[in-house]
Amino acid sequence: MSYIERLIDAVDYTHSLGLKIEKSPLPISEKIERSAMQRIFQLCGDALYHYDYQTSEDLAGQCTPVHLMLQYHLKNDMNVDSFITVGDRYWDDYVYCKMSKDSIETELKNPDISGDIKAHVWLTLTDGTILDCTAEAHADLLFKRDPHPAHKCILIVDPNQEENAKSGYHRPYLVGTGFLEKTGMYQIVHP
């Protein structure tokens, strides 16, 4: 199964649960040009450093606030749409923030409002590209690798890249902030 196929399933599943999707990533747009992708990468690096995410140690475990912040800046600074994506990252011998439909539905029935939920959050761009600035940071700590500067933690994955269980791949389950809000991972602040 490809990332795009998983994303389509995630949108359908999110709708079936009655969770809010601010804007759907479907249909997938044409491929984002390389020059635009370079500007996106630069904006992400600048934003991470601006908000004092200097190293992988600062980024690890901060996937929700980091990607919400990046989503805001992509839209406001570059007019680039991106979509909050919730899921896990799969390897043949390890699953980072392992999720399942059962765990999602259990969590929605009895939310742990402390925000301590097993879920990974990243952004999906309009062409299906994965933009993840925290998974590699967490891996630095988990696998006892040396900390890396924040810009080295920015992972951009082409949606057409073949999934490989040895090198790992993203598995989206949900799209939008609905799950994050209902489980306490993200709080809406009204003025």
N, C-alpha and C. Protein backbone atom coordinates (compact mmCIF):
# COMPACT_ATOMS: atom_id res chain seq x y z
N MET A 1 0.85 -1.18 0.00
CA MET A 1 0.00 0.00 0.00
C MET A 1 0.90 1.25 0.00
N SER A 2 0.54 2.26 -0.78
CA SER A 2 1.34 3.48 -0.86
C SER A 2 0.89 4.49 0.19
N TYR A 3 1.70 5.53 0.39
CA TYR A 3 1.34 6.58 1.33
C TYR A 3 0.02 7.24 0.91
N ILE A 4 -0.15 7.50 -0.38
CA ILE A 4 -1.37 8.17 -0.86
C ILE A 4 -2.59 7.28 -0.57
N GLU A 5 -2.47 5.98 -0.79
CA GLU A 5 -3.59 5.07 -0.48
C GLU A 5 -3.90 5.10 1.01
N ARG A 6 -2.86 5.11 1.83
CA ARG A 6 -3.07 5.19 3.28
C ARG A 6 -3.71 6.52 3.67
N LEU A 7 -3.31 7.59 3.00
CA LEU A 7 -3.86 8.92 3.28
C LEU A 7 -5.35 8.97 2.94
N ILE A 8 -5.72 8.39 1.81
CA ILE A 8 -7.14 8.33 1.42
C ILE A 8 -7.93 7.58 2.49
N ASP A 9 -7.39 6.43 2.95
CA ASP A 9 -8.04 5.67 4.03
C ASP A 9 -8.14 6.50 5.30
N ALA A 10 -7.11 7.28 5.61
CA ALA A 10 -7.10 8.11 6.82
C ALA A 10 -8.19 9.18 6.76
N VAL A 11 -8.36 9.80 5.60
CA VAL A 11 -9.42 10.80 5.44
C VAL A 11 -10.78 10.15 5.64
N ASP A 12 -10.99 9.00 5.01
CA ASP A 12 -12.27 8.28 5.15
C ASP A 12 -12.52 7.88 6.61
N TYR A 13 -11.48 7.38 7.27
CA TYR A 13 -11.62 6.93 8.66
C TYR A 13 -11.90 8.12 9.58
N THR A 14 -11.23 9.23 9.36
CA THR A 14 -11.46 10.44 10.16
C THR A 14 -12.91 10.88 10.03
N HIS A 15 -13.42 10.90 8.79
CA HIS A 15 -14.83 11.25 8.57
C HIS A 15 -15.75 10.27 9.27
N SER A 16 -15.44 8.98 9.19
CA SER A 16 -16.32 7.95 9.79
C SER A 16 -16.42 8.11 11.31
N LEU A 17 -15.39 8.68 11.93
CA LEU A 17 -15.40 8.90 13.37
C LEU A 17 -16.07 10.23 13.75
N GLY A 18 -16.43 11.02 12.73
CA GLY A 18 -17.06 12.32 12.99
C GLY A 18 -16.07 13.36 13.50
N LEU A 19 -14.78 13.16 13.22
CA LEU A 19 -13.77 14.10 13.68
C LEU A 19 -13.60 15.23 12.67
N LYS A 20 -13.23 16.38 13.18
CA LYS A 20 -13.08 17.57 12.34
C LYS A 20 -11.84 17.46 11.45
N ILE A 21 -12.07 17.75 10.18
CA ILE A 21 -10.97 17.93 9.22
C ILE A 21 -11.14 19.35 8.69
N GLU A 22 -10.19 20.22 9.04
CA GLU A 22 -10.30 21.62 8.65
C GLU A 22 -10.40 21.76 7.13
N LYS A 23 -9.56 21.03 6.44
CA LYS A 23 -9.53 21.04 4.99
C LYS A 23 -8.93 19.71 4.55
N SER A 24 -9.55 19.08 3.58
CA SER A 24 -9.08 17.76 3.15
C SER A 24 -7.87 17.86 2.24
N PRO A 25 -6.92 16.94 2.40
CA PRO A 25 -5.77 16.91 1.49
C PRO A 25 -6.11 16.30 0.13
N LEU A 26 -7.36 15.87 -0.03
CA LEU A 26 -7.79 15.24 -1.28
C LEU A 26 -8.62 16.22 -2.09
N PRO A 27 -8.48 16.24 -3.38
CA PRO A 27 -7.57 15.42 -4.18
C PRO A 27 -6.13 15.92 -4.06
N ILE A 28 -5.21 15.02 -4.29
CA ILE A 28 -3.78 15.34 -4.25
C ILE A 28 -3.46 16.24 -5.45
N SER A 29 -2.67 17.28 -5.21
CA SER A 29 -2.32 18.23 -6.27
C SER A 29 -1.13 17.72 -7.08
N GLU A 30 -0.78 18.50 -8.08
CA GLU A 30 0.43 18.19 -8.86
C GLU A 30 1.65 18.33 -7.96
N LYS A 31 2.72 17.68 -8.35
CA LYS A 31 3.96 17.70 -7.57
C LYS A 31 4.45 19.13 -7.34
N ILE A 32 4.83 19.40 -6.11
CA ILE A 32 5.38 20.72 -5.77
C ILE A 32 6.77 20.83 -6.40
N GLU A 33 7.01 21.98 -7.03
CA GLU A 33 8.30 22.18 -7.71
C GLU A 33 9.45 22.13 -6.72
N ARG A 34 10.59 21.72 -7.22
CA ARG A 34 11.78 21.58 -6.39
C ARG A 34 12.16 22.90 -5.71
N SER A 35 12.07 24.00 -6.45
CA SER A 35 12.44 25.30 -5.87
C SER A 35 11.50 25.67 -4.73
N ALA A 36 10.21 25.37 -4.88
CA ALA A 36 9.25 25.64 -3.80
C ALA A 36 9.55 24.74 -2.61
N MET A 37 9.93 23.50 -2.86
CA MET A 37 10.25 22.58 -1.76
C MET A 37 11.49 23.07 -1.01
N GLN A 38 12.44 23.65 -1.73
CA GLN A 38 13.63 24.20 -1.06
C GLN A 38 13.25 25.38 -0.17
N ARG A 39 12.31 26.21 -0.63
CA ARG A 39 11.84 27.34 0.19
C ARG A 39 11.08 26.84 1.42
N ILE A 40 10.32 25.77 1.26
CA ILE A 40 9.60 25.16 2.39
C ILE A 40 10.60 24.66 3.41
N PHE A 41 11.63 23.96 2.95
CA PHE A 41 12.67 23.46 3.85
C PHE A 41 13.33 24.61 4.60
N GLN A 42 13.66 25.68 3.89
CA GLN A 42 14.30 26.85 4.51
C GLN A 42 13.40 27.48 5.56
N LEU A 43 12.12 27.65 5.22
CA LEU A 43 11.17 28.23 6.17
C LEU A 43 11.10 27.36 7.43
N CYS A 44 11.04 26.06 7.26
CA CYS A 44 10.95 25.16 8.42
C CYS A 44 12.19 25.30 9.30
N GLY A 45 13.37 25.31 8.70
CA GLY A 45 14.59 25.47 9.47
C GLY A 45 14.62 26.80 10.21
N ASP A 46 14.26 27.87 9.51
CA ASP A 46 14.25 29.19 10.15
C ASP A 46 13.25 29.24 11.30
N ALA A 47 12.07 28.66 11.10
CA ALA A 47 11.04 28.68 12.15
C ALA A 47 11.48 27.85 13.36
N LEU A 48 12.07 26.69 13.12
CA LEU A 48 12.52 25.86 14.25
C LEU A 48 13.52 26.62 15.11
N TYR A 49 14.50 27.23 14.47
CA TYR A 49 15.50 27.97 15.24
C TYR A 49 14.90 29.20 15.91
N HIS A 50 13.99 29.88 15.22
CA HIS A 50 13.35 31.07 15.79
C HIS A 50 12.61 30.73 17.08
N TYR A 51 11.95 29.57 17.11
CA TYR A 51 11.18 29.16 18.29
C TYR A 51 12.03 28.35 19.27
N ASP A 52 13.34 28.44 19.11
CA ASP A 52 14.31 27.84 20.03
C ASP A 52 14.32 26.31 20.02
N TYR A 53 13.96 25.72 18.90
CA TYR A 53 14.17 24.29 18.71
C TYR A 53 15.53 24.17 18.03
N GLN A 54 16.58 24.08 18.83
CA GLN A 54 17.95 24.13 18.33
C GLN A 54 18.48 22.76 17.90
N THR A 55 18.12 21.71 18.65
CA THR A 55 18.67 20.38 18.40
C THR A 55 17.57 19.33 18.45
N SER A 56 17.96 18.11 18.12
CA SER A 56 17.01 17.00 18.18
C SER A 56 16.47 16.81 19.59
N GLU A 57 17.27 17.14 20.61
CA GLU A 57 16.80 17.02 21.99
C GLU A 57 15.64 17.98 22.25
N ASP A 58 15.65 19.16 21.63
CA ASP A 58 14.56 20.12 21.79
C ASP A 58 13.30 19.67 21.04
N LEU A 59 13.48 18.98 19.93
CA LEU A 59 12.35 18.59 19.07
C LEU A 59 11.67 17.30 19.50
N ALA A 60 12.41 16.37 20.09
CA ALA A 60 11.88 15.05 20.43
C ALA A 60 10.66 15.19 21.34
N GLY A 61 9.60 14.51 20.99
CA GLY A 61 8.39 14.53 21.79
C GLY A 61 7.53 15.77 21.63
N GLN A 62 7.88 16.64 20.70
CA GLN A 62 7.16 17.90 20.50
C GLN A 62 6.42 17.94 19.17
N CYS A 63 5.99 16.78 18.67
CA CYS A 63 5.45 16.74 17.31
C CYS A 63 4.19 17.59 17.13
N THR A 64 3.31 17.62 18.12
CA THR A 64 2.09 18.40 17.94
C THR A 64 2.37 19.90 17.88
N PRO A 65 3.03 20.50 18.88
CA PRO A 65 3.26 21.95 18.79
C PRO A 65 4.16 22.35 17.62
N VAL A 66 5.16 21.53 17.31
CA VAL A 66 6.07 21.87 16.20
C VAL A 66 5.32 21.90 14.88
N HIS A 67 4.51 20.88 14.60
CA HIS A 67 3.86 20.82 13.30
C HIS A 67 2.68 21.79 13.19
N LEU A 68 2.02 22.09 14.30
CA LEU A 68 0.99 23.15 14.26
C LEU A 68 1.63 24.50 13.96
N MET A 69 2.79 24.76 14.58
CA MET A 69 3.51 26.01 14.33
C MET A 69 3.97 26.08 12.88
N LEU A 70 4.51 24.99 12.36
CA LEU A 70 4.98 25.00 10.97
C LEU A 70 3.82 25.15 9.99
N GLN A 71 2.70 24.51 10.30
CA GLN A 71 1.52 24.64 9.45
C GLN A 71 1.09 26.11 9.36
N TYR A 72 1.09 26.78 10.49
CA TYR A 72 0.73 28.20 10.54
C TYR A 72 1.68 29.02 9.66
N HIS A 73 2.99 28.81 9.80
CA HIS A 73 3.95 29.60 9.05
C HIS A 73 3.95 29.26 7.56
N LEU A 74 3.76 28.02 7.22
CA LEU A 74 3.68 27.67 5.80
C LEU A 74 2.53 28.42 5.13
N LYS A 75 1.39 28.47 5.81
CA LYS A 75 0.23 29.15 5.24
C LYS A 75 0.42 30.66 5.23
N ASN A 76 0.83 31.23 6.36
CA ASN A 76 0.91 32.69 6.48
C ASN A 76 2.11 33.30 5.79
N ASP A 77 3.23 32.59 5.73
CA ASP A 77 4.44 33.15 5.14
C ASP A 77 4.63 32.78 3.67
N MET A 78 4.07 31.64 3.27
CA MET A 78 4.28 31.18 1.89
C MET A 78 2.98 30.86 1.14
N ASN A 79 1.85 30.94 1.83
CA ASN A 79 0.55 30.54 1.27
C ASN A 79 0.57 29.09 0.78
N VAL A 80 1.23 28.23 1.58
CA VAL A 80 1.29 26.80 1.28
C VAL A 80 0.37 26.06 2.24
N ASP A 81 -0.58 25.33 1.68
CA ASP A 81 -1.47 24.51 2.52
C ASP A 81 -0.74 23.25 2.95
N SER A 82 -1.02 22.83 4.17
CA SER A 82 -0.50 21.56 4.68
C SER A 82 -1.55 21.00 5.62
N PHE A 83 -1.44 19.72 5.90
CA PHE A 83 -2.50 19.03 6.62
C PHE A 83 -1.92 18.25 7.79
N ILE A 84 -2.46 18.50 8.98
CA ILE A 84 -2.05 17.75 10.16
C ILE A 84 -2.40 16.28 9.90
N THR A 85 -1.43 15.42 10.11
CA THR A 85 -1.61 13.99 9.87
C THR A 85 -1.18 13.25 11.13
N VAL A 86 -2.00 12.31 11.57
CA VAL A 86 -1.76 11.57 12.81
C VAL A 86 -1.61 10.09 12.48
N GLY A 87 -0.55 9.49 13.00
CA GLY A 87 -0.34 8.07 12.73
C GLY A 87 0.87 7.56 13.46
N ASP A 88 1.61 6.68 12.80
CA ASP A 88 2.83 6.15 13.38
C ASP A 88 3.87 5.97 12.29
N ARG A 89 5.06 5.56 12.70
CA ARG A 89 6.15 5.31 11.75
C ARG A 89 6.58 3.86 11.95
N TYR A 90 6.55 3.10 10.87
CA TYR A 90 6.72 1.66 10.93
C TYR A 90 8.07 1.20 10.39
N TRP A 91 8.74 0.33 11.15
CA TRP A 91 9.91 -0.41 10.68
C TRP A 91 9.61 -1.89 10.91
N ASP A 92 10.35 -2.74 10.26
CA ASP A 92 10.12 -4.18 10.43
C ASP A 92 10.40 -4.67 11.85
N ASP A 93 11.19 -3.92 12.63
CA ASP A 93 11.52 -4.36 13.98
C ASP A 93 11.11 -3.36 15.07
N TYR A 94 10.38 -2.28 14.69
CA TYR A 94 9.98 -1.28 15.67
C TYR A 94 8.88 -0.40 15.07
N VAL A 95 7.94 0.03 15.91
CA VAL A 95 6.92 0.98 15.47
C VAL A 95 6.94 2.16 16.42
N TYR A 96 7.22 3.35 15.88
CA TYR A 96 7.28 4.58 16.66
C TYR A 96 5.85 5.10 16.84
N CYS A 97 5.40 5.23 18.09
CA CYS A 97 4.06 5.71 18.43
C CYS A 97 2.97 4.84 17.80
N LYS A 98 3.11 3.54 17.99
CA LYS A 98 2.21 2.57 17.36
C LYS A 98 0.74 2.91 17.62
N MET A 99 -0.02 2.95 16.54
CA MET A 99 -1.45 3.22 16.59
C MET A 99 -2.21 2.09 15.93
N SER A 100 -3.49 2.02 16.24
CA SER A 100 -4.41 1.10 15.56
C SER A 100 -5.80 1.73 15.64
N LYS A 101 -6.70 1.25 14.83
CA LYS A 101 -8.07 1.77 14.89
C LYS A 101 -8.68 1.48 16.26
N ASP A 102 -8.38 0.32 16.83
CA ASP A 102 -8.88 0.00 18.17
C ASP A 102 -8.37 0.99 19.20
N SER A 103 -7.06 1.31 19.15
CA SER A 103 -6.50 2.24 20.14
C SER A 103 -7.09 3.65 19.96
N ILE A 104 -7.34 4.04 18.73
CA ILE A 104 -7.93 5.35 18.46
C ILE A 104 -9.33 5.42 19.03
N GLU A 105 -10.13 4.39 18.75
CA GLU A 105 -11.52 4.39 19.21
C GLU A 105 -11.61 4.29 20.73
N THR A 106 -10.71 3.52 21.34
CA THR A 106 -10.66 3.43 22.80
C THR A 106 -10.32 4.79 23.39
N GLU A 107 -9.35 5.46 22.81
CA GLU A 107 -8.93 6.77 23.31
C GLU A 107 -10.05 7.80 23.16
N LEU A 108 -10.79 7.74 22.07
CA LEU A 108 -11.88 8.69 21.87
C LEU A 108 -13.02 8.46 22.87
N LYS A 109 -13.23 7.20 23.27
CA LYS A 109 -14.28 6.89 24.25
C LYS A 109 -13.88 7.34 25.65
N ASN A 110 -12.60 7.23 25.99
CA ASN A 110 -12.09 7.60 27.31
C ASN A 110 -10.81 8.41 27.15
N PRO A 111 -10.93 9.68 26.74
CA PRO A 111 -9.72 10.45 26.48
C PRO A 111 -8.85 10.63 27.72
N ASP A 112 -7.56 10.49 27.51
CA ASP A 112 -6.57 10.77 28.55
C ASP A 112 -6.21 12.23 28.40
N ILE A 113 -6.90 13.09 29.14
CA ILE A 113 -6.75 14.53 28.93
C ILE A 113 -5.39 15.07 29.33
N SER A 114 -4.52 14.20 29.85
CA SER A 114 -3.16 14.65 30.16
C SER A 114 -2.36 14.87 28.88
N GLY A 115 -2.87 14.36 27.76
CA GLY A 115 -2.17 14.52 26.49
C GLY A 115 -1.13 13.44 26.26
N ASP A 116 -1.03 12.47 27.15
CA ASP A 116 -0.04 11.40 27.02
C ASP A 116 -0.60 10.28 26.16
N ILE A 117 -0.60 10.50 24.86
CA ILE A 117 -1.23 9.59 23.90
C ILE A 117 -0.16 9.05 22.98
N LYS A 118 -0.28 7.78 22.60
CA LYS A 118 0.64 7.24 21.60
C LYS A 118 0.14 7.63 20.23
N ALA A 119 0.74 8.64 19.67
CA ALA A 119 0.40 9.10 18.32
C ALA A 119 1.53 9.98 17.86
N HIS A 120 1.83 9.89 16.58
CA HIS A 120 2.83 10.77 16.00
C HIS A 120 2.10 11.73 15.08
N VAL A 121 2.57 12.97 15.01
CA VAL A 121 1.95 14.01 14.20
C VAL A 121 3.00 14.55 13.23
N TRP A 122 2.60 14.72 11.98
CA TRP A 122 3.45 15.33 10.97
C TRP A 122 2.55 16.11 10.01
N LEU A 123 3.12 16.73 9.00
CA LEU A 123 2.35 17.45 8.00
C LEU A 123 2.40 16.69 6.67
N THR A 124 1.28 16.72 5.97
CA THR A 124 1.23 16.24 4.59
C THR A 124 0.98 17.47 3.73
N LEU A 125 1.80 17.65 2.71
CA LEU A 125 1.64 18.78 1.80
C LEU A 125 0.61 18.44 0.73
N THR A 126 0.23 19.40 -0.07
CA THR A 126 -0.86 19.22 -1.04
C THR A 126 -0.58 18.13 -2.08
N ASP A 127 0.69 17.87 -2.36
CA ASP A 127 1.02 16.84 -3.35
C ASP A 127 1.26 15.48 -2.68
N GLY A 128 1.00 15.41 -1.37
CA GLY A 128 1.19 14.16 -0.64
C GLY A 128 2.56 14.02 0.01
N THR A 129 3.43 15.00 -0.18
CA THR A 129 4.76 14.96 0.43
C THR A 129 4.63 14.98 1.95
N ILE A 130 5.43 14.16 2.61
CA ILE A 130 5.47 14.11 4.07
C ILE A 130 6.52 15.10 4.55
N LEU A 131 6.13 15.93 5.52
CA LEU A 131 7.04 16.88 6.15
C LEU A 131 7.03 16.57 7.64
N ASP A 132 8.13 16.01 8.14
CA ASP A 132 8.19 15.55 9.52
C ASP A 132 9.48 16.07 10.15
N CYS A 133 9.34 16.89 11.18
CA CYS A 133 10.51 17.51 11.80
C CYS A 133 10.81 16.95 13.19
N THR A 134 10.11 15.90 13.61
CA THR A 134 10.34 15.39 14.96
C THR A 134 10.65 13.90 15.04
N ALA A 135 10.31 13.11 14.06
CA ALA A 135 10.52 11.66 14.14
C ALA A 135 12.01 11.33 14.24
N GLU A 136 12.83 11.94 13.40
CA GLU A 136 14.27 11.66 13.45
C GLU A 136 14.88 12.18 14.75
N ALA A 137 14.33 13.29 15.26
CA ALA A 137 14.81 13.83 16.53
C ALA A 137 14.56 12.83 17.65
N HIS A 138 13.37 12.24 17.65
CA HIS A 138 13.06 11.23 18.66
C HIS A 138 13.97 10.01 18.49
N ALA A 139 14.22 9.64 17.26
CA ALA A 139 15.10 8.48 17.00
C ALA A 139 16.52 8.74 17.52
N ASP A 140 16.98 10.00 17.44
CA ASP A 140 18.30 10.33 18.00
C ASP A 140 18.38 9.95 19.47
N LEU A 141 17.32 10.27 20.21
CA LEU A 141 17.30 9.94 21.64
C LEU A 141 17.07 8.45 21.87
N LEU A 142 16.10 7.90 21.17
CA LEU A 142 15.72 6.51 21.36
C LEU A 142 16.87 5.55 21.06
N PHE A 143 17.58 5.80 19.99
CA PHE A 143 18.66 4.91 19.56
C PHE A 143 20.03 5.41 20.01
N LYS A 144 20.01 6.38 20.94
CA LYS A 144 21.24 6.91 21.55
C LYS A 144 22.25 7.40 20.51
N ARG A 145 21.70 8.09 19.49
CA ARG A 145 22.57 8.74 18.50
C ARG A 145 22.92 10.11 19.05
N ASP A 146 23.96 10.69 18.53
CA ASP A 146 24.32 12.04 18.94
C ASP A 146 23.20 13.00 18.55
N PRO A 147 22.95 14.04 19.36
CA PRO A 147 21.95 15.05 18.97
C PRO A 147 22.39 15.74 17.68
N HIS A 148 21.42 16.11 16.86
CA HIS A 148 21.69 16.80 15.61
C HIS A 148 21.09 18.19 15.65
N PRO A 149 21.64 19.13 14.87
CA PRO A 149 21.01 20.45 14.76
C PRO A 149 19.60 20.29 14.19
N ALA A 150 18.71 21.19 14.55
CA ALA A 150 17.30 21.07 14.17
C ALA A 150 17.10 20.88 12.66
N HIS A 151 17.84 21.62 11.83
CA HIS A 151 17.62 21.51 10.39
C HIS A 151 17.97 20.11 9.85
N LYS A 152 18.81 19.38 10.56
CA LYS A 152 19.15 18.01 10.14
C LYS A 152 18.03 17.03 10.49
N CYS A 153 17.05 17.47 11.27
CA CYS A 153 15.92 16.63 11.68
C CYS A 153 14.74 16.76 10.72
N ILE A 154 14.82 17.69 9.78
CA ILE A 154 13.71 17.90 8.84
C ILE A 154 13.71 16.76 7.82
N LEU A 155 12.62 16.01 7.83
CA LEU A 155 12.46 14.87 6.94
C LEU A 155 11.40 15.21 5.90
N ILE A 156 11.78 15.19 4.64
CA ILE A 156 10.84 15.42 3.54
C ILE A 156 10.84 14.16 2.69
N VAL A 157 9.64 13.55 2.60
CA VAL A 157 9.53 12.26 1.92
C VAL A 157 8.55 12.38 0.76
N ASP A 158 9.02 12.04 -0.43
CA ASP A 158 8.19 12.02 -1.62
C ASP A 158 7.10 10.95 -1.43
N PRO A 159 5.84 11.29 -1.71
CA PRO A 159 4.76 10.32 -1.49
C PRO A 159 4.84 9.10 -2.41
N ASN A 160 5.59 9.22 -3.49
CA ASN A 160 5.71 8.10 -4.42
C ASN A 160 6.91 7.22 -4.11
N GLN A 161 7.66 7.59 -3.07
CA GLN A 161 8.79 6.76 -2.66
C GLN A 161 8.25 5.40 -2.20
N GLU A 162 8.88 4.36 -2.66
CA GLU A 162 8.43 3.02 -2.30
C GLU A 162 8.62 2.79 -0.80
N GLU A 163 7.58 2.27 -0.16
CA GLU A 163 7.67 2.00 1.27
C GLU A 163 8.60 0.83 1.51
N ASN A 164 9.48 1.01 2.50
CA ASN A 164 10.47 0.00 2.80
C ASN A 164 10.48 -0.20 4.31
N ALA A 165 10.13 -1.40 4.75
CA ALA A 165 10.03 -1.68 6.19
C ALA A 165 11.39 -1.63 6.88
N LYS A 166 12.45 -1.80 6.14
CA LYS A 166 13.80 -1.74 6.73
C LYS A 166 14.18 -0.30 7.07
N SER A 167 13.90 0.63 6.15
CA SER A 167 14.25 2.04 6.39
C SER A 167 13.11 2.81 7.06
N GLY A 168 11.93 2.22 7.14
CA GLY A 168 10.80 2.83 7.83
C GLY A 168 9.92 3.67 6.92
N TYR A 169 8.66 3.76 7.27
CA TYR A 169 7.73 4.60 6.53
C TYR A 169 6.59 5.06 7.44
N HIS A 170 5.93 6.14 7.03
CA HIS A 170 4.84 6.75 7.79
C HIS A 170 3.52 6.05 7.46
N ARG A 171 2.72 5.81 8.51
CA ARG A 171 1.39 5.23 8.32
C ARG A 171 0.35 6.21 8.90
N PRO A 172 -0.32 6.97 8.02
CA PRO A 172 -1.36 7.89 8.51
C PRO A 172 -2.63 7.13 8.90
N TYR A 173 -3.23 7.53 10.01
CA TYR A 173 -4.52 6.98 10.43
C TYR A 173 -5.62 8.02 10.41
N LEU A 174 -5.25 9.28 10.75
CA LEU A 174 -6.22 10.36 10.87
C LEU A 174 -5.65 11.64 10.24
N VAL A 175 -6.56 12.53 9.84
CA VAL A 175 -6.16 13.81 9.27
C VAL A 175 -6.92 14.91 10.02
N GLY A 176 -6.27 16.03 10.28
CA GLY A 176 -6.91 17.16 10.95
C GLY A 176 -6.65 17.17 12.44
N THR A 177 -7.17 18.18 13.11
CA THR A 177 -6.92 18.36 14.54
C THR A 177 -7.99 17.75 15.43
N GLY A 178 -9.03 17.15 14.86
CA GLY A 178 -10.14 16.62 15.67
C GLY A 178 -9.70 15.65 16.75
N PHE A 179 -8.89 14.67 16.40
CA PHE A 179 -8.41 13.69 17.38
C PHE A 179 -7.54 14.37 18.43
N LEU A 180 -6.69 15.28 18.00
CA LEU A 180 -5.80 15.98 18.92
C LEU A 180 -6.60 16.79 19.94
N GLU A 181 -7.67 17.43 19.49
CA GLU A 181 -8.51 18.23 20.39
C GLU A 181 -9.25 17.33 21.37
N LYS A 182 -9.88 16.27 20.86
CA LYS A 182 -10.70 15.41 21.72
C LYS A 182 -9.88 14.65 22.75
N THR A 183 -8.61 14.43 22.48
CA THR A 183 -7.78 13.66 23.40
C THR A 183 -6.88 14.54 24.26
N GLY A 184 -6.96 15.84 24.09
CA GLY A 184 -6.18 16.74 24.92
C GLY A 184 -4.75 16.97 24.44
N MET A 185 -4.39 16.48 23.25
CA MET A 185 -3.05 16.71 22.73
C MET A 185 -2.91 18.14 22.21
N TYR A 186 -4.05 18.79 22.00
CA TYR A 186 -4.07 20.13 21.42
C TYR A 186 -5.30 20.82 21.97
N GLN A 187 -5.15 22.03 22.44
CA GLN A 187 -6.27 22.78 22.98
C GLN A 187 -6.50 24.02 22.13
N ILE A 188 -7.76 24.26 21.81
CA ILE A 188 -8.12 25.48 21.08
C ILE A 188 -8.21 26.61 22.09
N VAL A 189 -7.54 27.70 21.79
CA VAL A 189 -7.62 28.87 22.65
C VAL A 189 -8.48 29.90 21.94
N HIS A 190 -9.63 30.23 22.54
CA HIS A 190 -10.51 31.22 21.94
C HIS A 190 -10.23 32.58 22.55
N PRO A 191 -10.15 33.64 21.74
CA PRO A 191 -9.86 34.98 22.28
C PRO A 191 -11.01 35.49 23.15
